[in-house]
C-alpha atoms as a PDB file:
ATOM      1  CA  UNK A   1       0.087  -0.157  -0.109  1.00  0.00           C
ATOM      2  CA  UNK A   2       1.651   3.303  -0.996  1.00  0.00           C
ATOM      3  CA  UNK A   3       2.399   6.427   1.239  1.00  0.00           C
ATOM      4  CA  UNK A   4      -0.944   8.002  -0.367  1.00  0.00           C
ATOM      5  CA  UNK A   5      -3.512   5.247   0.687  1.00  0.00           C
ATOM      6  CA  UNK A   6      -1.721   5.305   4.353  1.00  0.00           C
ATOM      7  CA  UNK A   7      -2.526   8.690   4.832  1.00  0.00           C
ATOM      8  CA  UNK A   8      -5.696   8.068   3.153  1.00  0.00           C
ATOM      9  CA  UNK A   9      -6.397   5.585   5.864  1.00  0.00           C
ATOM     10  CA  UNK A  10      -5.413   7.312   9.061  1.00  0.00           C
ATOM     11  CA  UNK A  11      -7.461  10.326   8.315  1.00  0.00           C
ATOM     12  CA  UNK A  12     -10.196   7.955   8.121  1.00  0.00           C
ATOM     13  CA  UNK A  13      -9.132   6.474  11.448  1.00  0.00           C
ATOM     14  CA  UNK A  14      -9.400   9.885  12.928  1.00  0.00           C
ATOM     15  CA  UNK A  15     -12.812  10.531  11.400  1.00  0.00           C
ATOM     16  CA  UNK A  16     -13.929   7.258  12.787  1.00  0.00           C
ATOM     17  CA  UNK A  17     -13.017   8.420  16.166  1.00  0.00           C
ATOM     18  CA  UNK A  18     -14.657  11.793  15.934  1.00  0.00           C
ATOM     19  CA  UNK A  19     -17.858   9.451  14.776  1.00  0.00           C
ATOM     20  CA  UNK A  20     -17.763  11.147  11.375  1.00  0.00           C
ATOM     21  CA  UNK A  21     -17.577   8.068   9.305  1.00  0.00           C
ATOM     22  CA  UNK A  22     -19.755   5.593   9.447  1.00  0.00           C
ATOM     23  CA  UNK A  23     -22.314   3.098   7.501  1.00  0.00           C
ATOM     24  CA  UNK A  24     -22.773   3.930   4.012  1.00  0.00           C
ATOM     25  CA  UNK A  25     -19.740   6.504   3.889  1.00  0.00           C
ATOM     26  CA  UNK A  26     -17.554   3.982   5.255  1.00  0.00           C
ATOM     27  CA  UNK A  27     -18.602   1.019   2.917  1.00  0.00           C
ATOM     28  CA  UNK A  28     -17.935   3.525  -0.090  1.00  0.00           C
ATOM     29  CA  UNK A  29     -14.633   4.851   1.014  1.00  0.00           C
ATOM     30  CA  UNK A  30     -13.913   0.688   1.617  1.00  0.00           C
ATOM     31  CA  UNK A  31     -14.855  -0.180  -1.830  1.00  0.00           C
ATOM     32  CA  UNK A  32     -13.152   2.903  -3.637  1.00  0.00           C
ATOM     33  CA  UNK A  33      -9.971   1.246  -2.380  1.00  0.00           C
ATOM     34  CA  UNK A  34      -8.273  -1.313  -5.185  1.00  0.00           C
ATOM     35  CA  UNK A  35      -8.855  -4.716  -4.491  1.00  0.00           C
ATOM     36  CA  UNK A  36      -5.353  -5.572  -3.629  1.00  0.00           C
ATOM     37  CA  UNK A  37      -4.844  -2.875  -1.363  1.00  0.00           C
ATOM     38  CA  UNK A  38      -8.050  -3.113   0.596  1.00  0.00           C
ATOM     39  CA  UNK A  39      -7.419  -5.547   3.455  1.00  0.00           C
ATOM     40  CA  UNK A  40      -4.515  -3.722   4.546  1.00  0.00           C
ATOM     41  CA  UNK A  41      -6.164  -0.375   4.037  1.00  0.00           C
ATOM     42  CA  UNK A  42      -8.994  -1.442   6.494  1.00  0.00           C
ATOM     43  CA  UNK A  43      -6.465  -2.712   8.675  1.00  0.00           C
ATOM     44  CA  UNK A  44      -4.642   0.491   9.114  1.00  0.00           C
ATOM     45  CA  UNK A  45      -7.994   2.683   9.194  1.00  0.00           C
ATOM     46  CA  UNK A  46      -8.847   0.416  12.417  1.00  0.00           C
ATOM     47  CA  UNK A  47      -5.440   0.260  13.805  1.00  0.00           C
ATOM     48  CA  UNK A  48      -5.220  -3.338  13.921  1.00  0.00           C
ATOM     49  CA  UNK A  49      -1.959  -4.628  14.708  1.00  0.00           C
ATOM     50  CA  UNK A  50      -0.091  -8.149  13.444  1.00  0.00           C
ATOM     51  CA  UNK A  51      -1.466 -11.523  15.373  1.00  0.00           C
ATOM     52  CA  UNK A  52       0.455 -12.811  17.931  1.00  0.00           C
ATOM     53  CA  UNK A  53       1.109 -16.563  17.150  1.00  0.00           C
ATOM     54  CA  UNK A  54      -1.618 -19.098  17.996  1.00  0.00           C
ATOM     55  CA  UNK A  55      -2.142 -20.591  21.116  1.00  0.00           C
ATOM     56  CA  UNK A  56      -2.670 -24.540  21.125  1.00  0.00           C
ATOM     57  CA  UNK A  57      -5.993 -24.965  19.956  1.00  0.00           C
ATOM     58  CA  UNK A  58      -8.534 -27.928  20.639  1.00  0.00           C
ATOM     59  CA  UNK A  59      -9.272 -30.182  18.160  1.00  0.00           C
ATOM     60  CA  UNK A  60     -11.730 -28.542  15.683  1.00  0.00           C
ATOM     61  CA  UNK A  61     -10.760 -25.154  16.054  1.00  0.00           C
ATOM     62  CA  UNK A  62      -8.994 -23.103  13.124  1.00  0.00           C
ATOM     63  CA  UNK A  63      -6.034 -20.862  13.731  1.00  0.00           C
ATOM     64  CA  UNK A  64      -6.945 -17.059  13.112  1.00  0.00           C
ATOM     65  CA  UNK A  65      -7.251 -15.941   9.618  1.00  0.00           C
ATOM     66  CA  UNK A  66      -8.862 -12.597   8.935  1.00  0.00           C
ATOM     67  CA  UNK A  67     -12.160 -12.903   6.848  1.00  0.00           C
ATOM     68  CA  UNK A  68     -12.075 -11.088   3.258  1.00  0.00           C
ATOM     69  CA  UNK A  69     -13.813  -7.346   3.508  1.00  0.00           C
ATOM     70  CA  UNK A  70     -15.634  -8.208   0.704  1.00  0.00           C
ATOM     71  CA  UNK A  71     -17.476 -11.098   2.221  1.00  0.00           C
ATOM     72  CA  UNK A  72     -17.806  -9.286   5.232  1.00  0.00           C
ATOM     73  CA  UNK A  73     -19.497  -6.316   3.587  1.00  0.00           C
ATOM     74  CA  UNK A  74     -21.840  -8.479   1.142  1.00  0.00           C
ATOM     75  CA  UNK A  75     -23.307 -10.845   4.412  1.00  0.00           C
ATOM     76  CA  UNK A  76     -23.951  -7.672   6.459  1.00  0.00           C
ATOM     77  CA  UNK A  77     -25.832  -5.948   3.142  1.00  0.00           C
ATOM     78  CA  UNK A  78     -27.694  -9.314   2.121  1.00  0.00           C
ATOM     79  CA  UNK A  79     -29.420  -9.855   5.754  1.00  0.00           C
ATOM     80  CA  UNK A  80     -29.438  -7.038   5.963  1.00  0.00           C
ATOM     81  CA  UNK A  81     -28.197  -5.963   9.405  1.00  0.00           C
ATOM     82  CA  UNK A  82     -29.702  -2.653  10.985  1.00  0.00           C
ATOM     83  CA  UNK A  83     -29.087  -0.576  14.257  1.00  0.00           C
ATOM     84  CA  UNK A  84     -31.808  -2.471  15.755  1.00  0.00           C
ATOM     85  CA  UNK A  85     -29.601  -5.782  15.326  1.00  0.00           C
ATOM     86  CA  UNK A  86     -27.367  -7.816  17.851  1.00  0.00           C
ATOM     87  CA  UNK A  87     -24.474  -9.078  15.510  1.00  0.00           C
ATOM     88  CA  UNK A  88     -22.510 -11.701  17.170  1.00  0.00           C
ATOM     89  CA  UNK A  89     -18.907 -13.269  15.434  1.00  0.00           C
ATOM     90  CA  UNK A  90     -18.016 -16.738  16.657  1.00  0.00           C
ATOM     91  CA  UNK A  91     -14.363 -16.855  16.122  1.00  0.00           C
ATOM     92  CA  UNK A  92     -14.040 -13.211  16.636  1.00  0.00           C
ATOM     93  CA  UNK A  93     -10.059 -12.867  16.467  1.00  0.00           C
ATOM     94  CA  UNK A  94      -8.752  -9.384  16.699  1.00  0.00           C
ATOM     95  CA  UNK A  95     -12.268  -8.156  16.153  1.00  0.00           C
ATOM     96  CA  UNK A  96     -12.231  -6.977  12.742  1.00  0.00           C
ATOM     97  CA  UNK A  97     -15.516  -8.216  11.870  1.00  0.00           C
ATOM     98  CA  UNK A  98     -17.460  -7.303  14.834  1.00  0.00           C
ATOM     99  CA  UNK A  99     -16.163  -3.369  14.672  1.00  0.00           C
ATOM    100  CA  UNK A 100     -16.796  -3.554  10.906  1.00  0.00           C
ATOM    101  CA  UNK A 101     -20.147  -4.819  11.494  1.00  0.00           C
ATOM    102  CA  UNK A 102     -20.876  -1.894  14.073  1.00  0.00           C
ATOM    103  CA  UNK A 103     -19.468   0.656  11.961  1.00  0.00           C
ATOM    104  CA  UNK A 104     -21.203  -0.150   8.968  1.00  0.00           C
ATOM    105  CA  UNK A 105     -24.707  -1.092  10.549  1.00  0.00           C
ATOM    106  CA  UNK A 106     -24.998   0.651  14.066  1.00  0.00           C
ATOM    107  CA  UNK A 107     -26.055  -2.394  15.269  1.00  0.00           C
ATOM    108  CA  UNK A 108     -24.583  -3.631  18.678  1.00  0.00           C
ATOM    109  CA  UNK A 109     -21.495  -6.266  17.955  1.00  0.00           C
ATOM    110  CA  UNK A 110     -20.115  -9.030  20.232  1.00  0.00           C
ATOM    111  CA  UNK A 111     -17.090 -11.206  19.290  1.00  0.00           C
ATOM    112  CA  UNK A 112     -16.748 -14.473  21.186  1.00  0.00           C
ATOM    113  CA  UNK A 113     -12.771 -15.483  21.185  1.00  0.00           C
ATOM    114  CA  UNK A 114     -11.059 -18.548  22.377  1.00  0.00           C
ATOM    115  CA  UNK A 115      -7.807 -16.963  22.130  1.00  0.00           C
ATOM    116  CA  UNK A 116      -7.227 -15.196  25.137  1.00  0.00           C
ATOM    117  CA  UNK A 117      -4.513 -12.665  23.851  1.00  0.00           C
ATOM    118  CA  UNK A 118      -6.655 -11.941  20.546  1.00  0.00           C
ATOM    119  CA  UNK A 119      -9.286 -10.880  23.028  1.00  0.00           C
ATOM    120  CA  UNK A 120      -7.278  -8.515  24.638  1.00  0.00           C
ATOM    121  CA  UNK A 121      -6.336  -7.390  21.251  1.00  0.00           C
ATOM    122  CA  UNK A 122      -9.913  -6.826  19.930  1.00  0.00           C
ATOM    123  CA  UNK A 123     -11.258  -5.066  23.358  1.00  0.00           C
ATOM    124  CA  UNK A 124      -8.454  -2.404  22.967  1.00  0.00           C
ATOM    125  CA  UNK A 125      -9.000  -1.484  19.537  1.00  0.00           C
ATOM    126  CA  UNK A 126     -12.624  -1.222  20.476  1.00  0.00           C
ATOM    127  CA  UNK A 127     -11.711   1.125  23.039  1.00  0.00           C
ATOM    128  CA  UNK A 128      -9.002   3.008  21.166  1.00  0.00           C
ATOM    129  CA  UNK A 129     -11.858   3.556  18.417  1.00  0.00           C
ATOM    130  CA  UNK A 130     -14.384   4.962  21.158  1.00  0.00           C
ATOM    131  CA  UNK A 131     -16.543   1.885  20.196  1.00  0.00           C
ATOM    132  CA  UNK A 132     -18.359   0.824  23.558  1.00  0.00           C
ATOM    133  CA  UNK A 133     -21.128  -0.956  21.509  1.00  0.00           C
ATOM    134  CA  UNK A 134     -18.324  -3.363  20.119  1.00  0.00           C
ATOM    135  CA  UNK A 135     -17.626  -5.901  23.016  1.00  0.00           C
ATOM    136  CA  UNK A 136     -15.944  -9.259  23.334  1.00  0.00           C
ATOM    137  CA  UNK A 137     -15.432 -12.405  25.333  1.00  0.00           C
ATOM    138  CA  UNK A 138     -12.983 -15.019  25.967  1.00  0.00           C
ATOM    139  CA  UNK A 139     -14.866 -18.168  25.566  1.00  0.00           C
ATOM    140  CA  UNK A 140     -15.420 -21.326  23.832  1.00  0.00           C
ATOM    141  CA  UNK A 141     -18.395 -20.846  21.299  1.00  0.00           C
ATOM    142  CA  UNK A 142     -19.513 -24.427  21.995  1.00  0.00           C
ATOM    143  CA  UNK A 143     -20.097 -23.383  25.738  1.00  0.00           C
ATOM    144  CA  UNK A 144     -20.787 -19.792  25.771  1.00  0.00           C
ATOM    145  CA  UNK A 145     -24.012 -18.028  26.511  1.00  0.00           C
ATOM    146  CA  UNK A 146     -25.011 -16.817  22.855  1.00  0.00           C
ATOM    147  CA  UNK A 147     -27.465 -14.025  22.139  1.00  0.00           C
ATOM    148  CA  UNK A 148     -27.894 -12.137  18.952  1.00  0.00           C
ATOM    149  CA  UNK A 149     -30.253 -11.480  15.660  1.00  0.00           C
ATOM    150  CA  UNK A 150     -26.966 -12.426  13.311  1.00  0.00           C
ATOM    151  CA  UNK A 151     -24.382 -14.845  13.919  1.00  0.00           C
ATOM    152  CA  UNK A 152     -21.387 -14.875  11.902  1.00  0.00           C
ATOM    153  CA  UNK A 153     -18.906 -17.750  11.048  1.00  0.00           C
ATOM    154  CA  UNK A 154     -16.132 -17.815   8.854  1.00  0.00           C
ATOM    155  CA  UNK A 155     -15.008 -21.486   8.750  1.00  0.00           C
ATOM    156  CA  UNK A 156     -13.662 -20.909  12.694  1.00  0.00           C
ATOM    157  CA  UNK A 157     -14.523 -24.710  13.494  1.00  0.00           C
ATOM    158  CA  UNK A 158     -15.012 -27.843  12.163  1.00  0.00           C
ATOM    159  CA  UNK A 159     -15.919 -31.610  13.131  1.00  0.00           C
ATOM    160  CA  UNK A 160     -17.150 -32.430  16.504  1.00  0.00           C
ATOM    161  CA  UNK A 161     -16.900 -28.587  17.598  1.00  0.00           C
ATOM    162  CA  UNK A 162     -18.934 -27.298  14.590  1.00  0.00           C
ATOM    163  CA  UNK A 163     -21.791 -29.703  15.797  1.00  0.00           C
ATOM    164  CA  UNK A 164     -21.497 -28.552  19.130  1.00  0.00           C
ATOM    165  CA  UNK A 165     -21.644 -25.007  18.182  1.00  0.00           C
ATOM    166  CA  UNK A 166     -24.796 -25.618  16.048  1.00  0.00           C
ATOM    167  CA  UNK A 167     -26.581 -27.137  19.019  1.00  0.00           C
ATOM    168  CA  UNK A 168     -25.875 -24.089  21.113  1.00  0.00           C
ATOM    169  CA  UNK A 169     -26.936 -22.107  18.151  1.00  0.00           C
ATOM    170  CA  UNK A 170     -30.369 -24.217  17.871  1.00  0.00           C
ATOM    171  CA  UNK A 171     -31.182 -23.212  21.749  1.00  0.00           C
ATOM    172  CA  UNK A 172     -30.836 -19.320  20.666  1.00  0.00           C
ATOM    173  CA  UNK A 173     -34.177 -17.242  20.955  1.00  0.00           C
ATOM    174  CA  UNK A 174     -35.163 -16.949  17.341  1.00  0.00           C
ATOM    175  CA  UNK A 175     -35.586 -15.484  14.725  1.00  0.00           C
ATOM    176  CA  UNK A 176     -31.826 -15.004  13.747  1.00  0.00           C
ATOM    177  CA  UNK A 177     -29.897 -15.149  10.964  1.00  0.00           C
ATOM    178  CA  UNK A 178     -26.439 -16.684   9.966  1.00  0.00           C
ATOM    179  CA  UNK A 179     -24.096 -15.985   7.660  1.00  0.00           C
ATOM    180  CA  UNK A 180     -21.326 -18.175   6.493  1.00  0.00           C
ATOM    181  CA  UNK A 181     -18.098 -17.862   4.790  1.00  0.00           C
ATOM    182  CA  UNK A 182     -16.483 -20.467   2.824  1.00  0.00           C
ATOM    183  CA  UNK A 183     -18.742 -22.712   5.475  1.00  0.00           C
ATOM    184  CA  UNK A 184     -21.802 -24.589   4.700  1.00  0.00           C
ATOM    185  CA  UNK A 185     -23.726 -26.239   7.593  1.00  0.00           C
ATOM    186  CA  UNK A 186     -25.259 -29.394   6.384  1.00  0.00           C
ATOM    187  CA  UNK A 187     -27.516 -31.585   8.809  1.00  0.00           C
ATOM    188  CA  UNK A 188     -29.542 -28.687  10.662  1.00  0.00           C
ATOM    189  CA  UNK A 189     -33.001 -29.103   9.692  1.00  0.00           C
ATOM    190  CA  UNK A 190     -33.721 -25.865  11.810  1.00  0.00           C
ATOM    191  CA  UNK A 191     -31.916 -23.967   9.397  1.00  0.00           C
ATOM    192  CA  UNK A 192     -32.755 -22.490   5.770  1.00  0.00           C
ATOM    193  CA  UNK A 193     -30.150 -21.392   3.128  1.00  0.00           C
ATOM    194  CA  UNK A 194     -31.405 -18.341   1.006  1.00  0.00           C
ATOM    195  CA  UNK A 195     -31.086 -18.092  -2.644  1.00  0.00           C
ATOM    196  CA  UNK A 196     -28.081 -15.700  -2.197  1.00  0.00           C
ATOM    197  CA  UNK A 197     -25.394 -15.437  -5.191  1.00  0.00           C
ATOM    198  CA  UNK A 198     -22.436 -15.278  -3.813  1.00  0.00           C
ATOM    199  CA  UNK A 199     -19.138 -17.886  -4.326  1.00  0.00           C
ATOM    200  CA  UNK A 200     -18.018 -17.634  -0.531  1.00  0.00           C
ATOM    201  CA  UNK A 201     -21.266 -16.410   1.441  1.00  0.00           C
ATOM    202  CA  UNK A 202     -23.993 -18.383   2.960  1.00  0.00           C
ATOM    203  CA  UNK A 203     -27.370 -17.119   4.703  1.00  0.00           C
ATOM    204  CA  UNK A 204     -29.377 -19.156   6.785  1.00  0.00           C
ATOM    205  CA  UNK A 205     -32.626 -18.403   8.396  1.00  0.00           C
ATOM    206  CA  UNK A 206     -33.207 -20.087  11.651  1.00  0.00           C
ATOM    207  CA  UNK A 207     -36.996 -21.356  11.358  1.00  0.00           C
ATOM    208  CA  UNK A 208     -39.770 -21.210  13.825  1.00  0.00           C
ATOM    209  CA  UNK A 209     -39.480 -23.873  16.740  1.00  0.00           C
END
């Protein structure tokens, strides 16, 4: 990313902290950046640090990998998420998705993350950006108390751990929506996939119990 884009990102961060850059204006800014620079630009705007080495993870948990920004935006606007929603990112990492969800939609946002160092860094970024509506919990998503209107999963689990997370989600009060990236949820008859065209994003509605 060249010096001009870095300066643009730093100015955008100042606007975020001042509350001047939100929702459509932020989305338009992000999408105006060349695709090759977009991920780095967003991380600079949010002030995200480099992630620490992954801790030893339980079987079925996936090492930290940030979700593509375009897929996050596609999911948020496909649902669509509004300021009345509570967005929950399962496997929140450094907090990138939860922070973006709040900034782009006005929804309250909560991240659940198993690795304590990532949780502390995510909380620090939300505080530095002045975002009290963005919170993070250090917890196993298969055991945490979950409540929300939209849940986001970027392939953070597989195998038996994913099955246990789905059991936990099935008990959440409905209606709610699940958005996944590079992950298909099979064998859950209480979920209905929407006819949404995307190579990576799938939107599921939780059917009435």
